């Protein structure tokens, strides 16, 4: 298995299983720049929230409705 190092962030190199394409390397760099401002805290609750329906959360029906309509969630009565 061949690995290639790409993009040093905080002095650490990242290993990849295959050679990345130019646009992938740029995406990786952009991703790591976004992560630089993330601060993890032990005292803060970490939760996932489905942005399309934060009240009820994720559902296959909600995702299907979003994908097959104009992008608005249908009323789930």
PDB file of N, CA and C in Angstrom:
ATOM      1  N   UNK A   1       0.840  -1.159   0.000  1.00  0.00           N
ATOM      2  CA  UNK A   1       0.000   0.000   0.000  1.00  0.00           C
ATOM      3  C   UNK A   1       0.901   1.242   0.000  1.00  0.00           C
ATOM      4  N   UNK A   2       0.723   2.065  -0.995  1.00  0.00           N
ATOM      5  CA  UNK A   2       1.527   3.270  -1.118  1.00  0.00           C
ATOM      6  C   UNK A   2       0.814   4.440  -0.453  1.00  0.00           C
ATOM      7  N   UNK A   3       1.540   5.223   0.307  1.00  0.00           N
ATOM      8  CA  UNK A   3       0.963   6.395   0.947  1.00  0.00           C
ATOM      9  C   UNK A   3       1.750   7.624   0.535  1.00  0.00           C
ATOM     10  N   UNK A   4       1.048   8.728   0.452  1.00  0.00           N
ATOM     11  CA  UNK A   4       1.686   9.969   0.047  1.00  0.00           C
ATOM     12  C   UNK A   4       1.387  11.036   1.090  1.00  0.00           C
ATOM     13  N   UNK A   5       2.405  11.784   1.458  1.00  0.00           N
ATOM     14  CA  UNK A   5       2.208  12.859   2.416  1.00  0.00           C
ATOM     15  C   UNK A   5       1.753  14.114   1.683  1.00  0.00           C
ATOM     16  N   UNK A   6       0.747  14.765   2.248  1.00  0.00           N
ATOM     17  CA  UNK A   6       0.216  15.991   1.652  1.00  0.00           C
ATOM     18  C   UNK A   6      -0.067  16.990   2.759  1.00  0.00           C
ATOM     19  N   UNK A   7       0.365  18.206   2.572  1.00  0.00           N
ATOM     20  CA  UNK A   7      -0.027  19.326   3.415  1.00  0.00           C
ATOM     21  C   UNK A   7       0.350  19.246   4.868  1.00  0.00           C
ATOM     22  N   UNK A   8       1.380  19.952   5.240  1.00  0.00           N
ATOM     23  CA  UNK A   8       1.744  20.037   6.646  1.00  0.00           C
ATOM     24  C   UNK A   8       0.835  21.047   7.335  1.00  0.00           C
ATOM     25  N   UNK A   9       0.208  20.606   8.408  1.00  0.00           N
ATOM     26  CA  UNK A   9      -0.608  21.489   9.227  1.00  0.00           C
ATOM     27  C   UNK A   9      -0.125  21.321  10.656  1.00  0.00           C
ATOM     28  N   UNK A  10       0.188  22.419  11.312  1.00  0.00           N
ATOM     29  CA  UNK A  10       0.740  22.362  12.670  1.00  0.00           C
ATOM     30  C   UNK A  10       1.991  21.496  12.723  1.00  0.00           C
ATOM     31  N   UNK A  11       2.765  21.497  11.643  1.00  0.00           N
ATOM     32  CA  UNK A  11       4.001  20.733  11.606  1.00  0.00           C
ATOM     33  C   UNK A  11       3.813  19.245  11.399  1.00  0.00           C
ATOM     34  N   UNK A  12       2.583  18.796  11.169  1.00  0.00           N
ATOM     35  CA  UNK A  12       2.321  17.371  10.963  1.00  0.00           C
ATOM     36  C   UNK A  12       1.909  17.117   9.521  1.00  0.00           C
ATOM     37  N   UNK A  13       2.440  16.067   8.952  1.00  0.00           N
ATOM     38  CA  UNK A  13       2.081  15.677   7.589  1.00  0.00           C
ATOM     39  C   UNK A  13       0.904  14.709   7.631  1.00  0.00           C
ATOM     40  N   UNK A  14       0.104  14.716   6.584  1.00  0.00           N
ATOM     41  CA  UNK A  14      -1.024  13.804   6.469  1.00  0.00           C
ATOM     42  C   UNK A  14      -0.678  12.705   5.467  1.00  0.00           C
ATOM     43  N   UNK A  15      -1.040  11.465   5.779  1.00  0.00           N
ATOM     44  CA  UNK A  15      -0.766  10.332   4.907  1.00  0.00           C
ATOM     45  C   UNK A  15      -2.023   9.935   4.154  1.00  0.00           C
ATOM     46  N   UNK A  16      -1.900   9.658   2.854  1.00  0.00           N
ATOM     47  CA  UNK A  16      -3.023   9.255   2.017  1.00  0.00           C
ATOM     48  C   UNK A  16      -2.684   7.942   1.332  1.00  0.00           C
ATOM     49  N   UNK A  17      -3.686   7.130   1.073  1.00  0.00           N
ATOM     50  CA  UNK A  17      -3.476   5.823   0.439  1.00  0.00           C
ATOM     51  C   UNK A  17      -3.111   5.929  -1.030  1.00  0.00           C
ATOM     52  N   UNK A  18      -3.557   6.988  -1.662  1.00  0.00           N
ATOM     53  CA  UNK A  18      -3.260   7.167  -3.077  1.00  0.00           C
ATOM     54  C   UNK A  18      -2.875   8.613  -3.327  1.00  0.00           C
ATOM     55  N   UNK A  19      -2.318   8.855  -4.475  1.00  0.00           N
ATOM     56  CA  UNK A  19      -1.945  10.206  -4.857  1.00  0.00           C
ATOM     57  C   UNK A  19      -3.228  11.019  -5.084  1.00  0.00           C
ATOM     58  N   UNK A  20      -3.321  12.171  -4.423  1.00  0.00           N
ATOM     59  CA  UNK A  20      -4.506  13.008  -4.575  1.00  0.00           C
ATOM     60  C   UNK A  20      -4.410  13.834  -5.843  1.00  0.00           C
ATOM     61  N   UNK A  21      -5.566  14.096  -6.427  1.00  0.00           N
ATOM     62  CA  UNK A  21      -5.624  14.989  -7.575  1.00  0.00           C
ATOM     63  C   UNK A  21      -5.452  16.422  -7.074  1.00  0.00           C
ATOM     64  N   UNK A  22      -5.111  17.342  -7.970  1.00  0.00           N
ATOM     65  CA  UNK A  22      -4.831  18.723  -7.576  1.00  0.00           C
ATOM     66  C   UNK A  22      -6.016  19.339  -6.835  1.00  0.00           C
ATOM     67  N   UNK A  23      -7.247  19.137  -7.330  1.00  0.00           N
ATOM     68  CA  UNK A  23      -8.406  19.730  -6.664  1.00  0.00           C
ATOM     69  C   UNK A  23      -8.651  19.104  -5.298  1.00  0.00           C
ATOM     70  N   UNK A  24      -8.278  17.821  -5.122  1.00  0.00           N
ATOM     71  CA  UNK A  24      -8.421  17.170  -3.827  1.00  0.00           C
ATOM     72  C   UNK A  24      -7.427  17.747  -2.822  1.00  0.00           C
ATOM     73  N   UNK A  25      -6.196  17.988  -3.286  1.00  0.00           N
ATOM     74  CA  UNK A  25      -5.196  18.581  -2.409  1.00  0.00           C
ATOM     75  C   UNK A  25      -5.644  19.957  -1.935  1.00  0.00           C
ATOM     76  N   UNK A  26      -6.239  20.736  -2.831  1.00  0.00           N
ATOM     77  CA  UNK A  26      -6.733  22.064  -2.464  1.00  0.00           C
ATOM     78  C   UNK A  26      -7.872  21.945  -1.456  1.00  0.00           C
ATOM     79  N   UNK A  27      -8.758  20.979  -1.655  1.00  0.00           N
ATOM     80  CA  UNK A  27      -9.858  20.755  -0.708  1.00  0.00           C
ATOM     81  C   UNK A  27      -9.333  20.367   0.666  1.00  0.00           C
ATOM     82  N   UNK A  28      -8.298  19.544   0.699  1.00  0.00           N
ATOM     83  CA  UNK A  28      -7.696  19.133   1.973  1.00  0.00           C
ATOM     84  C   UNK A  28      -7.112  20.354   2.680  1.00  0.00           C
ATOM     85  N   UNK A  29      -6.416  21.205   1.947  1.00  0.00           N
ATOM     86  CA  UNK A  29      -5.846  22.417   2.549  1.00  0.00           C
ATOM     87  C   UNK A  29      -6.958  23.314   3.115  1.00  0.00           C
ATOM     88  N   UNK A  30      -8.037  23.493   2.348  1.00  0.00           N
ATOM     89  CA  UNK A  30      -9.154  24.317   2.814  1.00  0.00           C
ATOM     90  C   UNK A  30      -9.789  23.725   4.070  1.00  0.00           C
ATOM     91  N   UNK A  31      -9.911  22.405   4.103  1.00  0.00           N
ATOM     92  CA  UNK A  31     -10.484  21.714   5.257  1.00  0.00           C
ATOM     93  C   UNK A  31      -9.643  21.957   6.512  1.00  0.00           C
ATOM     94  N   UNK A  32      -8.327  21.820   6.390  1.00  0.00           N
ATOM     95  CA  UNK A  32      -7.472  22.010   7.543  1.00  0.00           C
ATOM     96  C   UNK A  32      -7.459  23.458   8.018  1.00  0.00           C
ATOM     97  N   UNK A  33      -7.607  24.403   7.102  1.00  0.00           N
ATOM     98  CA  UNK A  33      -7.710  25.806   7.499  1.00  0.00           C
ATOM     99  C   UNK A  33      -8.972  26.012   8.339  1.00  0.00           C
ATOM    100  N   UNK A  34     -10.081  25.374   7.944  1.00  0.00           N
ATOM    101  CA  UNK A  34     -11.313  25.469   8.723  1.00  0.00           C
ATOM    102  C   UNK A  34     -11.141  24.881  10.121  1.00  0.00           C
ATOM    103  N   UNK A  35     -10.381  23.793  10.223  1.00  0.00           N
ATOM    104  CA  UNK A  35     -10.189  23.142  11.516  1.00  0.00           C
ATOM    105  C   UNK A  35      -9.298  23.926  12.464  1.00  0.00           C
ATOM    106  N   UNK A  36      -8.504  24.837  11.950  1.00  0.00           N
ATOM    107  CA  UNK A  36      -7.586  25.592  12.804  1.00  0.00           C
ATOM    108  C   UNK A  36      -8.329  26.401  13.858  1.00  0.00           C
ATOM    109  N   UNK A  37      -9.549  26.834  13.573  1.00  0.00           N
ATOM    110  CA  UNK A  37     -10.302  27.668  14.510  1.00  0.00           C
ATOM    111  C   UNK A  37     -11.212  26.874  15.442  1.00  0.00           C
ATOM    112  N   UNK A  38     -11.187  25.561  15.356  1.00  0.00           N
ATOM    113  CA  UNK A  38     -12.036  24.719  16.199  1.00  0.00           C
ATOM    114  C   UNK A  38     -11.359  24.504  17.550  1.00  0.00           C
ATOM    115  N   UNK A  39     -12.110  24.766  18.606  1.00  0.00           N
ATOM    116  CA  UNK A  39     -11.607  24.548  19.960  1.00  0.00           C
ATOM    117  C   UNK A  39     -12.545  23.555  20.637  1.00  0.00           C
ATOM    118  N   UNK A  40     -12.012  22.421  21.045  1.00  0.00           N
ATOM    119  CA  UNK A  40     -12.812  21.412  21.735  1.00  0.00           C
ATOM    120  C   UNK A  40     -12.744  21.651  23.234  1.00  0.00           C
ATOM    121  N   UNK A  41     -13.898  21.524  23.888  1.00  0.00           N
ATOM    122  CA  UNK A  41     -13.969  21.750  25.325  1.00  0.00           C
ATOM    123  C   UNK A  41     -14.686  20.571  25.985  1.00  0.00           C
ATOM    124  N   UNK A  42     -14.126  20.078  27.068  1.00  0.00           N
ATOM    125  CA  UNK A  42     -14.713  18.944  27.776  1.00  0.00           C
ATOM    126  C   UNK A  42     -16.043  19.284  28.430  1.00  0.00           C
ATOM    127  N   UNK A  43     -16.258  20.531  28.818  1.00  0.00           N
ATOM    128  CA  UNK A  43     -17.451  20.891  29.571  1.00  0.00           C
ATOM    129  C   UNK A  43     -18.641  21.271  28.692  1.00  0.00           C
ATOM    130  N   UNK A  44     -18.467  21.272  27.377  1.00  0.00           N
ATOM    131  CA  UNK A  44     -19.532  21.642  26.453  1.00  0.00           C
ATOM    132  C   UNK A  44     -20.098  20.386  25.812  1.00  0.00           C
ATOM    133  N   UNK A  45     -21.448  20.254  25.850  1.00  0.00           N
ATOM    134  CA  UNK A  45     -22.092  19.094  25.242  1.00  0.00           C
ATOM    135  C   UNK A  45     -21.962  19.165  23.721  1.00  0.00           C
ATOM    136  N   UNK A  46     -21.605  18.064  23.114  1.00  0.00           N
ATOM    137  CA  UNK A  46     -21.433  17.976  21.664  1.00  0.00           C
ATOM    138  C   UNK A  46     -22.580  17.153  21.098  1.00  0.00           C
ATOM    139  N   UNK A  47     -23.401  17.765  20.245  1.00  0.00           N
ATOM    140  CA  UNK A  47     -24.540  17.050  19.684  1.00  0.00           C
ATOM    141  C   UNK A  47     -24.592  17.259  18.175  1.00  0.00           C
ATOM    142  N   UNK A  48     -25.218  16.317  17.488  1.00  0.00           N
ATOM    143  CA  UNK A  48     -25.491  16.445  16.064  1.00  0.00           C
ATOM    144  C   UNK A  48     -26.882  17.042  15.914  1.00  0.00           C
ATOM    145  N   UNK A  49     -27.053  17.936  14.967  1.00  0.00           N
ATOM    146  CA  UNK A  49     -28.356  18.524  14.719  1.00  0.00           C
ATOM    147  C   UNK A  49     -28.606  18.525  13.213  1.00  0.00           C
ATOM    148  N   UNK A  50     -29.753  17.973  12.806  1.00  0.00           N
ATOM    149  CA  UNK A  50     -30.140  17.922  11.397  1.00  0.00           C
ATOM    150  C   UNK A  50     -30.702  19.290  11.042  1.00  0.00           C
ATOM    151  N   UNK A  51     -29.984  20.051  10.230  1.00  0.00           N
ATOM    152  CA  UNK A  51     -30.352  21.434   9.943  1.00  0.00           C
ATOM    153  C   UNK A  51     -31.664  21.559   9.162  1.00  0.00           C
ATOM    154  N   UNK A  52     -32.052  20.535   8.411  1.00  0.00           N
ATOM    155  CA  UNK A  52     -33.301  20.595   7.669  1.00  0.00           C
ATOM    156  C   UNK A  52     -34.520  20.476   8.587  1.00  0.00           C
ATOM    157  N   UNK A  53     -34.353  19.832   9.730  1.00  0.00           N
ATOM    158  CA  UNK A  53     -35.448  19.682  10.685  1.00  0.00           C
ATOM    159  C   UNK A  53     -34.863  19.568  12.091  1.00  0.00           C
ATOM    160  N   UNK A  54     -34.415  20.694  12.664  1.00  0.00           N
ATOM    161  CA  UNK A  54     -33.756  20.632  13.971  1.00  0.00           C
ATOM    162  C   UNK A  54     -34.690  20.203  15.099  1.00  0.00           C
ATOM    163  N   UNK A  55     -35.998  20.371  14.931  1.00  0.00           N
ATOM    164  CA  UNK A  55     -36.938  19.993  15.979  1.00  0.00           C
ATOM    165  C   UNK A  55     -37.094  18.477  16.094  1.00  0.00           C
ATOM    166  N   UNK A  56     -37.305  17.793  14.954  1.00  0.00           N
ATOM    167  CA  UNK A  56     -37.529  16.339  14.969  1.00  0.00           C
ATOM    168  C   UNK A  56     -36.270  15.536  14.671  1.00  0.00           C
ATOM    169  N   UNK A  57     -35.286  16.156  14.052  1.00  0.00           N
ATOM    170  CA  UNK A  57     -34.070  15.440  13.700  1.00  0.00           C
ATOM    171  C   UNK A  57     -34.159  14.787  12.334  1.00  0.00           C
ATOM    172  N   UNK A  58     -33.163  13.986  12.037  1.00  0.00           N
ATOM    173  CA  UNK A  58     -33.068  13.336  10.728  1.00  0.00           C
ATOM    174  C   UNK A  58     -34.115  12.247  10.580  1.00  0.00           C
ATOM    175  N   UNK A  59     -34.660  12.174   9.371  1.00  0.00           N
ATOM    176  CA  UNK A  59     -35.500  11.030   9.003  1.00  0.00           C
ATOM    177  C   UNK A  59     -35.309  10.784   7.512  1.00  0.00           C
ATOM    178  N   UNK A  60     -35.438   9.554   7.110  1.00  0.00           N
ATOM    179  CA  UNK A  60     -35.330   9.225   5.687  1.00  0.00           C
ATOM    180  C   UNK A  60     -36.437   9.945   4.929  1.00  0.00           C
ATOM    181  N   UNK A  61     -37.642   9.977   5.502  1.00  0.00           N
ATOM    182  CA  UNK A  61     -38.761  10.641   4.852  1.00  0.00           C
ATOM    183  C   UNK A  61     -38.463  12.130   4.648  1.00  0.00           C
ATOM    184  N   UNK A  62     -37.913  12.786   5.657  1.00  0.00           N
ATOM    185  CA  UNK A  62     -37.583  14.202   5.538  1.00  0.00           C
ATOM    186  C   UNK A  62     -36.522  14.456   4.481  1.00  0.00           C
ATOM    187  N   UNK A  63     -35.498  13.609   4.446  1.00  0.00           N
ATOM    188  CA  UNK A  63     -34.447  13.754   3.436  1.00  0.00           C
ATOM    189  C   UNK A  63     -35.015  13.504   2.041  1.00  0.00           C
ATOM    190  N   UNK A  64     -35.859  12.499   1.901  1.00  0.00           N
ATOM    191  CA  UNK A  64     -36.474  12.187   0.606  1.00  0.00           C
ATOM    192  C   UNK A  64     -37.345  13.350   0.134  1.00  0.00           C
ATOM    193  N   UNK A  65     -38.144  13.891   1.043  1.00  0.00           N
ATOM    194  CA  UNK A  65     -39.000  15.031   0.680  1.00  0.00           C
ATOM    195  C   UNK A  65     -38.153  16.219   0.230  1.00  0.00           C
ATOM    196  N   UNK A  66     -37.076  16.476   0.931  1.00  0.00           N
ATOM    197  CA  UNK A  66     -36.200  17.590   0.562  1.00  0.00           C
ATOM    198  C   UNK A  66     -35.612  17.382  -0.823  1.00  0.00           C
ATOM    199  N   UNK A  67     -35.164  16.161  -1.095  1.00  0.00           N
ATOM    200  CA  UNK A  67     -34.511  15.872  -2.372  1.00  0.00           C
ATOM    201  C   UNK A  67     -35.478  15.834  -3.546  1.00  0.00           C
ATOM    202  N   UNK A  68     -36.742  15.510  -3.291  1.00  0.00           N
ATOM    203  CA  UNK A  68     -37.702  15.351  -4.394  1.00  0.00           C
ATOM    204  C   UNK A  68     -38.640  16.536  -4.553  1.00  0.00           C
ATOM    205  N   UNK A  69     -38.504  17.544  -3.698  1.00  0.00           N
ATOM    206  CA  UNK A  69     -39.334  18.751  -3.833  1.00  0.00           C
ATOM    207  C   UNK A  69     -38.429  19.925  -4.181  1.00  0.00           C
ATOM    208  N   UNK A  70     -38.947  21.098  -4.022  1.00  0.00           N
ATOM    209  CA  UNK A  70     -38.191  22.301  -4.370  1.00  0.00           C
ATOM    210  C   UNK A  70     -37.146  22.651  -3.331  1.00  0.00           C
ATOM    211  N   UNK A  71     -36.872  21.761  -2.414  1.00  0.00           N
ATOM    212  CA  UNK A  71     -35.876  22.018  -1.392  1.00  0.00           C
ATOM    213  C   UNK A  71     -36.491  22.408  -0.060  1.00  0.00           C
ATOM    214  N   UNK A  72     -37.816  22.339   0.044  1.00  0.00           N
ATOM    215  CA  UNK A  72     -38.487  22.646   1.302  1.00  0.00           C
ATOM    216  C   UNK A  72     -39.035  21.366   1.903  1.00  0.00           C
ATOM    217  N   UNK A  73     -38.955  21.268   3.207  1.00  0.00           N
ATOM    218  CA  UNK A  73     -39.495  20.089   3.882  1.00  0.00           C
ATOM    219  C   UNK A  73     -41.008  20.133   3.855  1.00  0.00           C
ATOM    220  N   UNK A  74     -41.615  19.008   3.522  1.00  0.00           N
ATOM    221  CA  UNK A  74     -43.079  18.912   3.527  1.00  0.00           C
ATOM    222  C   UNK A  74     -43.543  18.763   4.968  1.00  0.00           C
ATOM    223  N   UNK A  75     -44.799  19.124   5.214  1.00  0.00           N
ATOM    224  CA  UNK A  75     -45.373  18.961   6.546  1.00  0.00           C
ATOM    225  C   UNK A  75     -45.464  17.469   6.856  1.00  0.00           C
ATOM    226  N   UNK A  76     -44.907  17.052   8.006  1.00  0.00           N
ATOM    227  CA  UNK A  76     -44.882  15.633   8.357  1.00  0.00           C
ATOM    228  C   UNK A  76     -45.997  15.323   9.348  1.00  0.00           C
ATOM    229  N   UNK A  77     -47.220  15.464   8.947  1.00  0.00           N
ATOM    230  CA  UNK A  77     -48.352  15.209   9.849  1.00  0.00           C
ATOM    231  C   UNK A  77     -48.551  13.738  10.081  1.00  0.00           C
TER     232      UNK A  77
END
